[in-house]
Amino acid sequence: MNTVEIINKKKYGKELSYEEIEHIVNGYVNDSIPDYQISSWLMAVYFQGLNSDETSALTDLMVKSGETIDLSFLNTTVVDKHSTGGVGDKVSLIVAPIITSLGIPFAKMSGRGLGHTGGTVDKLEAIKGFHTELPLQRFKDQVKELGIALVGQSGNLVPADKKIYALRDVTGTVDSIPLIASSIMSKKIASGADAIVLDIKVGNGAFMKTEEEAKKLAETMVAIGKKLNRETVAVLTNMDQPLGSEIGNGNEVLEAVKLLRDQEYRQDLYDVSVEIAAQMVFLAGKATTEEQARKLVKEVIQSGEAYEKFVTFIEAQDGKMDSIHEMEAKQSIDVTAEQAGYIASIETQQIGEAAMLLGAGRKTKDDQIDHQVGITFHVKTGDKLQAGDKLATIHTNMEDNDAVIKKIKDAITLSDHPVQVKSSVIGIVN
């Protein structure tokens, strides 16, 4: 099969066969096709797109490029979730013990944060002693015994995606919906998921800035799921402001604990967590309606069962729960409003970047995380402020925090008049 002919075929917008995509994927993995030809193919895909059959084929072939995790020994529907990334997104920490409390296994491989978005693995590593790397057999045994395990992505899962993503990153082809969709779905399927709930973040703090873009991505991924026999649903959630109050690592763990243990929470974080968990419960067949699923989710939060499961999970992976109260930075500095008004908008990405400047995130994959630092964000869109009111509190180990403070202040726009507030759960695609 001729690689140049395949590149030209896609360049002119023609549909590729399964075998032609197989030639591209396998050729890149086994090094028989060079980077420059794959770069050319990716750019052709970027401009011409892939239809549903092509995107599903690419996903399937990336799954088949490496090992897969077989969780069929659990003899039940395994439901996984994926978030497209946002600021203050600690939903996995909340959802995992909720659904496990309802008899649904949660066997998840999570990523690390990069740029202004956080990663679940980084948050868990703020807990002293917690191991995010487990041998595969221990991972499986823990899921079988406790119903829950959460580790970092490891092993030889979807090597094609790893190679292709690295190339997309340096060739300007990251923001291609079929390439994004196949990358995400291949990892979920290879990790053993029978059903998948996608949390598609929408807004200025998300990768997808508009509802139109987010819906297109959601529809693409749901279509892949159906073609590859995975029940899939996507929930569009608002990322025009940080989710909850905390942005960082240790402080986000504490916020998740407060919701599960004390039922103290920001409404947006609660609403998104309940909806994602409820969709997982519904897909797992533990409820006959979505409304019944939401009711079950709320009950295990209120009863404390979800918090007890969270503690069991942390301790099973050698984490010390007492250490979550020791995660304090050297100093805390309040950032206050300079004038009165209503919060009209928040540039959420800037808030995430401010946390990154403190050391809570990474500019490059090799940067080290400071788990103690972060931001407590005190306000929400629509809030009425007086001059001197607290906008945020930064928790810092740095001496000079002027750039962080300026970034936070610059991210907030005030209005003289009340503003309409967007719902935290925007819509569902299934």
Protein backbone atom coordinates (compact mmCIF):
# COMPACT_ATOMS: atom_id res chain seq x y z
CA MET A 1 0.00 0.00 0.00
CA ASN A 2 1.37 3.45 -0.94
CA THR A 3 1.54 6.00 1.89
CA VAL A 4 1.72 9.01 -0.44
CA GLU A 5 -1.42 7.87 -2.26
CA ILE A 6 -3.25 7.64 1.09
CA ILE A 7 -2.08 11.15 2.03
CA ASN A 8 -3.26 12.51 -1.33
CA LYS A 9 -6.58 10.72 -1.07
CA LYS A 10 -7.31 12.43 2.26
CA LYS A 11 -5.86 15.72 1.01
CA TYR A 12 -8.61 15.78 -1.63
CA GLY A 13 -11.31 14.91 0.91
CA LYS A 14 -11.89 11.30 -0.07
CA GLU A 15 -12.89 8.60 2.43
CA LEU A 16 -10.16 6.23 3.59
CA SER A 17 -10.81 2.52 4.03
CA TYR A 18 -10.15 0.65 7.26
CA GLU A 19 -7.14 -0.98 5.60
CA GLU A 20 -5.67 2.37 4.55
CA ILE A 21 -5.98 3.78 8.07
CA GLU A 22 -4.51 0.51 9.39
CA HIS A 23 -1.52 1.01 7.07
CA ILE A 24 -0.96 4.52 8.48
CA VAL A 25 -1.35 3.58 12.17
CA ASN A 26 0.64 0.35 12.11
CA GLY A 27 3.29 1.86 9.89
CA TYR A 28 3.90 4.69 12.33
CA VAL A 29 3.97 2.38 15.37
CA ASN A 30 6.49 0.00 13.78
CA ASP A 31 8.56 2.88 12.36
CA SER A 32 8.10 1.88 8.72
CA ILE A 33 6.44 5.25 7.97
CA PRO A 34 8.48 8.35 8.95
CA ASP A 35 7.31 11.31 11.02
CA TYR A 36 7.18 13.67 8.04
CA GLN A 37 4.66 11.52 6.19
CA ILE A 38 2.44 11.10 9.27
CA SER A 39 2.67 14.87 9.82
CA SER A 40 1.43 15.40 6.28
CA TRP A 41 -1.42 12.91 6.82
CA LEU A 42 -2.41 14.61 10.10
CA MET A 43 -2.55 18.00 8.38
CA ALA A 44 -4.74 16.53 5.64
CA VAL A 45 -7.04 15.14 8.33
CA TYR A 46 -7.01 18.50 10.11
CA PHE A 47 -8.33 20.28 7.02
CA GLN A 48 -10.53 17.56 5.48
CA GLY A 49 -11.72 15.81 8.64
CA LEU A 50 -12.71 12.18 9.10
CA ASN A 51 -16.23 10.84 8.83
CA SER A 52 -17.81 8.63 11.49
CA ASP A 53 -16.56 5.35 9.96
CA GLU A 54 -13.01 6.68 9.56
CA THR A 55 -12.91 8.08 13.11
CA SER A 56 -14.17 4.79 14.55
CA ALA A 57 -11.60 2.87 12.48
CA LEU A 58 -8.79 5.11 13.75
CA THR A 59 -9.98 4.62 17.34
CA ASP A 60 -10.22 0.84 16.94
CA LEU A 61 -6.76 0.60 15.40
CA MET A 62 -5.19 2.71 18.14
CA VAL A 63 -6.77 0.39 20.74
CA LYS A 64 -5.36 -2.63 18.88
CA SER A 65 -1.86 -1.07 18.67
CA GLY A 66 -1.04 -2.17 22.23
CA GLU A 67 -2.24 -4.01 25.29
CA THR A 68 -5.80 -3.81 26.58
CA ILE A 69 -7.11 -4.37 30.08
CA ASP A 70 -9.69 -7.11 30.39
CA LEU A 71 -12.10 -6.47 33.27
CA SER A 72 -14.66 -9.07 32.23
CA PHE A 73 -13.84 -11.08 35.37
CA LEU A 74 -15.92 -8.52 37.30
CA ASN A 75 -19.04 -9.93 35.60
CA THR A 76 -20.73 -6.55 35.53
CA THR A 77 -20.83 -3.38 33.44
CA VAL A 78 -17.66 -1.34 33.96
CA VAL A 79 -18.34 2.38 33.53
CA ASP A 80 -15.53 4.90 33.05
CA LYS A 81 -15.60 8.69 32.86
CA HIS A 82 -13.46 11.23 31.10
CA SER A 83 -13.24 14.99 31.48
CA THR A 84 -11.85 17.14 28.68
CA GLY A 85 -10.13 19.24 31.34
CA GLY A 86 -10.87 22.41 33.22
CA VAL A 87 -10.01 24.56 36.21
CA GLY A 88 -10.94 23.22 39.64
CA ASP A 89 -12.20 19.93 38.18
CA LYS A 90 -12.06 17.44 41.04
CA VAL A 91 -15.14 15.52 39.89
CA SER A 92 -13.40 12.13 39.57
CA LEU A 93 -12.45 12.26 43.27
CA ILE A 94 -16.12 12.73 44.14
CA VAL A 95 -17.73 10.44 41.58
CA ALA A 96 -15.48 7.40 42.13
CA PRO A 97 -16.59 6.57 45.69
CA ILE A 98 -20.21 7.48 44.92
CA ILE A 99 -20.68 4.95 42.14
CA THR A 100 -18.64 2.30 43.96
CA SER A 101 -20.98 2.70 46.94
CA LEU A 102 -23.80 1.77 44.55
CA GLY A 103 -22.14 -1.47 43.48
CA ILE A 104 -20.53 -0.21 40.26
CA PRO A 105 -16.80 -0.95 39.86
CA PHE A 106 -14.58 2.07 39.17
CA ALA A 107 -11.33 1.00 37.52
CA LYS A 108 -9.78 4.18 36.18
CA MET A 109 -6.50 5.20 34.64
CA SER A 110 -6.14 8.97 34.89
CA GLY A 111 -3.78 11.52 33.45
CA ARG A 112 -1.67 14.33 34.85
CA GLY A 113 -2.32 18.01 34.39
CA LEU A 114 -0.59 20.17 31.81
CA GLY A 115 -0.95 23.90 31.32
CA HIS A 116 -3.91 25.55 33.03
CA THR A 117 -5.85 22.29 33.54
CA GLY A 118 -5.32 19.94 36.48
CA GLY A 119 -4.92 16.16 36.55
CA THR A 120 -6.57 13.69 38.93
CA VAL A 121 -3.32 11.79 39.53
CA ASP A 122 -1.57 15.00 40.66
CA LYS A 123 -4.37 15.72 43.13
CA LEU A 124 -4.20 12.22 44.63
CA GLU A 125 -0.44 12.47 45.00
CA ALA A 126 -1.01 15.39 47.37
CA ILE A 127 -2.10 12.72 49.87
CA LYS A 128 0.98 11.47 51.70
CA GLY A 129 1.93 7.91 50.79
CA PHE A 130 -0.72 7.47 48.07
CA HIS A 131 0.51 5.24 45.24
CA THR A 132 -0.71 6.14 41.78
CA GLU A 133 1.33 3.34 40.21
CA LEU A 134 0.16 -0.21 40.89
CA PRO A 135 1.15 -3.47 39.20
CA LEU A 136 -1.65 -4.54 36.86
CA GLN A 137 -2.55 -7.58 38.96
CA ARG A 138 -2.80 -5.50 42.14
CA PHE A 139 -4.96 -3.00 40.25
CA LYS A 140 -7.31 -5.80 39.16
CA ASP A 141 -7.34 -7.43 42.61
CA GLN A 142 -8.20 -4.15 44.29
CA VAL A 143 -11.07 -3.49 41.89
CA LYS A 144 -12.38 -7.01 42.49
CA GLU A 145 -12.11 -6.70 46.30
CA LEU A 146 -13.06 -3.06 46.92
CA GLY A 147 -14.72 -2.09 43.65
CA ILE A 148 -12.39 0.86 43.16
CA ALA A 149 -8.85 1.67 41.99
CA LEU A 150 -7.46 4.80 40.37
CA VAL A 151 -3.96 4.90 38.92
CA GLY A 152 -1.85 6.81 36.43
CA GLN A 153 -1.74 5.80 32.79
CA SER A 154 0.98 3.22 32.34
CA GLY A 155 2.01 0.14 30.44
CA ASN A 156 1.68 -0.36 26.71
CA LEU A 157 -1.88 0.97 26.30
CA VAL A 158 -2.57 2.69 22.94
CA PRO A 159 1.07 3.31 21.91
CA ALA A 160 -0.23 4.61 18.57
CA ASP A 161 -2.06 7.40 20.35
CA LYS A 162 1.03 8.34 22.37
CA LYS A 163 3.12 8.65 19.21
CA ILE A 164 0.43 10.42 17.19
CA TYR A 165 -0.43 12.85 20.01
CA ALA A 166 3.23 13.82 20.46
CA LEU A 167 3.38 14.62 16.74
CA ARG A 168 0.07 16.53 16.79
CA ASP A 169 1.48 18.65 19.61
CA VAL A 170 4.35 19.94 17.43
CA THR A 171 2.55 20.11 14.07
CA GLY A 172 -0.40 22.36 14.93
CA THR A 173 -2.96 19.56 14.59
CA VAL A 174 -4.11 19.20 18.21
CA ASP A 175 -7.47 20.94 17.76
CA SER A 176 -9.00 18.50 15.30
CA ILE A 177 -12.27 17.02 16.55
CA PRO A 178 -11.87 13.52 15.02
CA LEU A 179 -8.28 13.33 16.29
CA ILE A 180 -9.31 14.51 19.78
CA ALA A 181 -12.25 12.10 19.87
CA SER A 182 -10.27 9.05 18.73
CA SER A 183 -7.46 9.83 21.19
CA ILE A 184 -9.82 10.02 24.18
CA MET A 185 -12.02 7.08 23.22
CA SER A 186 -9.11 4.75 22.41
CA LYS A 187 -7.72 5.17 25.94
CA LYS A 188 -11.11 4.57 27.56
CA ILE A 189 -11.78 1.43 25.50
CA ALA A 190 -8.28 0.02 26.00
CA SER A 191 -8.69 0.52 29.76
CA GLY A 192 -11.58 -1.96 29.84
CA ALA A 193 -14.65 0.28 29.85
CA ASP A 194 -17.98 -1.22 28.77
CA ALA A 195 -19.73 2.15 29.06
CA ILE A 196 -18.32 5.69 29.06
CA VAL A 197 -19.57 9.00 30.46
CA LEU A 198 -17.85 12.05 28.97
CA ASP A 199 -17.69 15.37 30.81
CA ILE A 200 -17.23 17.85 27.96
CA LYS A 201 -16.19 21.20 29.42
CA VAL A 202 -17.45 24.28 27.57
CA GLY A 203 -16.26 27.86 27.95
CA ASN A 204 -13.26 30.14 28.26
CA GLY A 205 -11.49 27.80 30.70
CA ALA A 206 -11.98 24.73 28.49
CA PHE A 207 -10.45 23.39 25.31
CA MET A 208 -13.82 23.71 23.59
CA LYS A 209 -14.75 27.40 23.84
CA THR A 210 -18.27 27.28 22.38
CA GLU A 211 -21.30 25.05 22.85
CA GLU A 212 -21.30 24.36 19.11
CA GLU A 213 -17.72 22.98 19.23
CA ALA A 214 -18.42 21.01 22.39
CA LYS A 215 -21.58 19.47 20.98
CA LYS A 216 -19.75 18.43 17.80
CA LEU A 217 -17.00 16.76 19.85
CA ALA A 218 -19.63 15.07 22.05
CA GLU A 219 -21.56 13.75 19.05
CA THR A 220 -18.36 12.44 17.46
CA MET A 221 -17.34 10.53 20.59
CA VAL A 222 -20.82 9.15 21.23
CA ALA A 223 -20.88 7.89 17.61
CA ILE A 224 -17.50 6.17 18.11
CA GLY A 225 -18.84 4.50 21.24
CA LYS A 226 -21.90 3.17 19.43
CA LYS A 227 -19.87 1.84 16.49
CA LEU A 228 -17.45 0.09 18.86
CA ASN A 229 -20.24 -1.33 21.04
CA ARG A 230 -19.70 0.92 24.06
CA GLU A 231 -22.66 2.67 25.66
CA THR A 232 -21.60 6.33 25.66
CA VAL A 233 -23.16 9.56 26.90
CA ALA A 234 -21.70 13.07 26.99
CA VAL A 235 -22.57 15.78 29.51
CA LEU A 236 -21.76 19.37 28.52
CA THR A 237 -20.70 21.35 31.62
CA ASN A 238 -19.90 25.01 32.14
CA MET A 239 -16.25 26.09 32.34
CA ASP A 240 -16.81 29.85 32.10
CA GLN A 241 -15.75 29.94 35.75
CA PRO A 242 -13.70 27.64 38.01
CA LEU A 243 -15.61 24.59 39.21
CA GLY A 244 -16.21 24.81 42.95
CA SER A 245 -13.93 27.06 45.00
CA GLU A 246 -10.51 25.41 45.02
CA ILE A 247 -7.85 25.33 42.31
CA GLY A 248 -4.70 23.37 43.04
CA ASN A 249 -4.00 19.86 44.26
CA GLY A 250 -4.10 19.42 48.02
CA ASN A 251 -6.82 22.05 48.36
CA GLU A 252 -8.95 20.33 45.70
CA VAL A 253 -8.71 17.05 47.61
CA LEU A 254 -9.93 18.90 50.71
CA GLU A 255 -12.85 20.36 48.76
CA ALA A 256 -13.85 16.89 47.55
CA VAL A 257 -13.66 15.60 51.14
CA LYS A 258 -15.83 18.45 52.40
CA LEU A 259 -18.52 17.60 49.86
CA LEU A 260 -18.47 13.87 50.66
CA ARG A 261 -17.95 14.05 54.43
CA ASP A 262 -19.57 17.30 55.52
CA GLN A 263 -21.99 18.00 52.67
CA GLU A 264 -20.38 21.45 52.36
CA TYR A 265 -20.03 22.49 48.73
CA ARG A 266 -20.43 25.02 45.99
CA GLN A 267 -23.63 24.26 44.11
CA ASP A 268 -21.94 24.05 40.70
CA LEU A 269 -19.51 21.38 41.88
CA TYR A 270 -22.31 19.39 43.50
CA ASP A 271 -24.57 19.62 40.44
CA VAL A 272 -21.88 18.52 37.97
CA SER A 273 -20.69 15.68 40.23
CA VAL A 274 -24.23 14.39 40.78
CA GLU A 275 -25.04 14.51 37.05
CA ILE A 276 -21.85 12.69 35.98
CA ALA A 277 -22.32 10.05 38.70
CA ALA A 278 -26.02 9.64 37.85
CA GLN A 279 -25.25 9.07 34.17
CA MET A 280 -22.73 6.39 35.19
CA VAL A 281 -25.29 4.74 37.48
CA PHE A 282 -27.88 4.78 34.69
CA LEU A 283 -25.50 3.30 32.09
CA ALA A 284 -24.54 0.57 34.56
CA GLY A 285 -28.19 -0.44 34.79
CA LYS A 286 -28.48 0.33 38.50
CA ALA A 287 -31.43 2.67 37.91
CA THR A 288 -34.32 2.55 35.48
CA THR A 289 -34.46 6.32 34.94
CA GLU A 290 -31.95 9.15 35.12
CA GLU A 291 -34.02 10.78 37.87
CA GLN A 292 -33.87 7.63 39.97
CA ALA A 293 -30.09 7.53 39.40
CA ARG A 294 -29.74 11.10 40.68
CA LYS A 295 -31.76 10.18 43.77
CA LEU A 296 -29.50 7.20 44.51
CA VAL A 297 -26.39 9.35 44.08
CA LYS A 298 -27.65 12.01 46.49
CA GLU A 299 -28.58 9.36 49.06
CA VAL A 300 -25.08 7.83 49.27
CA ILE A 301 -23.58 11.30 49.68
CA GLN A 302 -26.02 12.21 52.45
CA SER A 303 -25.62 8.88 54.28
CA GLY A 304 -21.82 9.17 54.38
CA GLU A 305 -21.37 5.88 52.47
CA ALA A 306 -19.51 7.62 49.65
CA TYR A 307 -17.08 9.25 52.09
CA GLU A 308 -16.42 5.92 53.83
CA LYS A 309 -15.66 4.37 50.44
CA PHE A 310 -13.32 7.29 49.64
CA VAL A 311 -11.34 6.63 52.85
CA THR A 312 -11.18 2.88 52.09
CA PHE A 313 -9.91 3.61 48.58
CA ILE A 314 -7.22 6.06 49.73
CA GLU A 315 -5.96 3.70 52.44
CA ALA A 316 -5.96 0.72 50.03
CA GLN A 317 -3.42 2.61 47.90
CA ASP A 318 -1.34 3.46 51.00
CA GLY A 319 -2.54 7.04 51.37
CA LYS A 320 -2.62 8.66 54.83
CA MET A 321 -5.96 10.43 55.25
CA ASP A 322 -4.65 12.48 58.19
CA SER A 323 -2.13 14.11 55.86
CA ILE A 324 -4.82 16.05 54.01
CA HIS A 325 -4.93 18.47 56.96
CA GLU A 326 -1.18 19.11 56.71
CA MET A 327 -1.17 20.41 53.14
CA GLU A 328 -0.68 24.09 53.90
CA ALA A 329 1.51 26.53 51.99
CA LYS A 330 3.84 28.96 53.79
CA GLN A 331 1.48 31.91 53.46
CA SER A 332 -2.00 32.88 52.33
CA ILE A 333 -2.70 36.23 50.68
CA ASP A 334 -6.15 37.68 50.05
CA VAL A 335 -6.90 39.31 46.69
CA THR A 336 -9.66 41.91 47.05
CA ALA A 337 -12.00 43.84 44.77
CA GLU A 338 -10.99 47.41 44.02
CA GLN A 339 -14.54 48.55 43.26
CA ALA A 340 -18.16 47.52 43.66
CA GLY A 341 -20.24 45.76 40.99
CA TYR A 342 -21.61 42.48 39.73
CA ILE A 343 -19.25 39.82 38.36
CA ALA A 344 -20.08 39.78 34.66
CA SER A 345 -17.40 37.32 33.51
CA ILE A 346 -14.37 35.38 34.66
CA GLU A 347 -11.51 34.48 32.33
CA THR A 348 -11.18 30.99 33.77
CA GLN A 349 -8.05 30.03 31.87
CA GLN A 350 -6.23 32.97 33.47
CA ILE A 351 -7.20 31.68 36.92
CA GLY A 352 -5.79 28.28 35.98
CA GLU A 353 -2.63 29.97 34.71
CA ALA A 354 -2.34 31.91 37.97
CA ALA A 355 -2.43 28.60 39.87
CA MET A 356 0.21 27.25 37.49
CA LEU A 357 2.46 30.24 38.25
CA LEU A 358 2.22 29.33 41.94
CA GLY A 359 3.47 25.84 41.12
CA ALA A 360 0.13 23.99 41.16
CA GLY A 361 0.43 23.10 37.45
CA ARG A 362 3.00 22.41 34.76
CA LYS A 363 4.19 24.47 31.82
CA THR A 364 5.99 21.38 30.46
CA LYS A 365 5.57 17.68 31.19
CA ASP A 366 8.84 17.66 33.17
CA ASP A 367 7.89 20.42 35.64
CA GLN A 368 7.48 19.47 39.29
CA ILE A 369 4.17 20.10 41.08
CA ASP A 370 3.92 21.83 44.46
CA HIS A 371 0.95 20.07 46.04
CA GLN A 372 0.55 22.67 48.82
CA VAL A 373 -0.10 25.72 46.70
CA GLY A 374 -3.25 26.88 44.99
CA ILE A 375 -6.11 29.36 44.96
CA THR A 376 -9.34 29.54 46.90
CA PHE A 377 -11.74 31.38 44.60
CA HIS A 378 -14.41 33.10 46.67
CA VAL A 379 -16.72 34.45 43.97
CA LYS A 380 -18.99 33.23 41.19
CA THR A 381 -20.41 34.87 38.06
CA GLY A 382 -23.37 37.05 39.02
CA ASP A 383 -22.16 37.76 42.58
CA LYS A 384 -22.58 41.32 43.86
CA LEU A 385 -19.38 42.79 45.32
CA GLN A 386 -18.41 45.76 47.41
CA ALA A 387 -14.96 47.36 47.22
CA GLY A 388 -12.65 45.38 49.52
CA ASP A 389 -14.54 42.08 49.25
CA LYS A 390 -12.35 39.00 48.84
CA LEU A 391 -12.07 37.71 45.28
CA ALA A 392 -9.59 34.95 46.04
CA THR A 393 -7.01 33.74 48.52
CA ILE A 394 -3.70 32.50 47.13
CA HIS A 395 -1.82 29.82 49.04
CA THR A 396 1.81 30.27 48.10
CA ASN A 397 5.37 29.22 48.85
CA MET A 398 6.80 32.09 46.74
CA GLU A 399 8.06 35.45 47.95
CA ASP A 400 6.92 37.49 44.94
CA ASN A 401 3.26 36.91 44.10
CA ASP A 402 2.53 40.15 42.22
CA ALA A 403 2.11 38.45 38.82
CA VAL A 404 -0.36 35.94 40.30
CA ILE A 405 -2.41 38.66 41.99
CA LYS A 406 -2.51 40.74 38.79
CA LYS A 407 -3.61 37.72 36.73
CA ILE A 408 -6.52 37.05 39.09
CA LYS A 409 -7.67 40.67 39.12
CA ASP A 410 -7.37 40.98 35.34
CA ALA A 411 -9.47 37.82 34.89
CA ILE A 412 -12.57 39.34 36.50
CA THR A 413 -14.87 41.78 34.70
CA LEU A 414 -17.46 43.76 36.66
CA SER A 415 -20.80 45.19 35.57
CA ASP A 416 -23.01 47.87 37.09
CA HIS A 417 -26.07 45.67 36.49
CA PRO A 418 -27.09 42.13 37.47
CA VAL A 419 -26.04 39.48 34.93
CA GLN A 420 -27.59 36.23 33.75
CA VAL A 421 -25.84 33.14 35.09
CA LYS A 422 -25.34 30.05 32.90
CA SER A 423 -26.31 26.65 34.30
CA SER A 424 -23.44 24.41 35.43
CA VAL A 425 -24.91 21.47 33.47
CA ILE A 426 -25.62 22.72 29.94
CA GLY A 427 -26.92 19.63 28.17
CA ILE A 428 -26.63 15.91 27.46
CA VAL A 429 -25.74 14.15 24.20
CA ASN A 430 -26.54 10.44 23.86
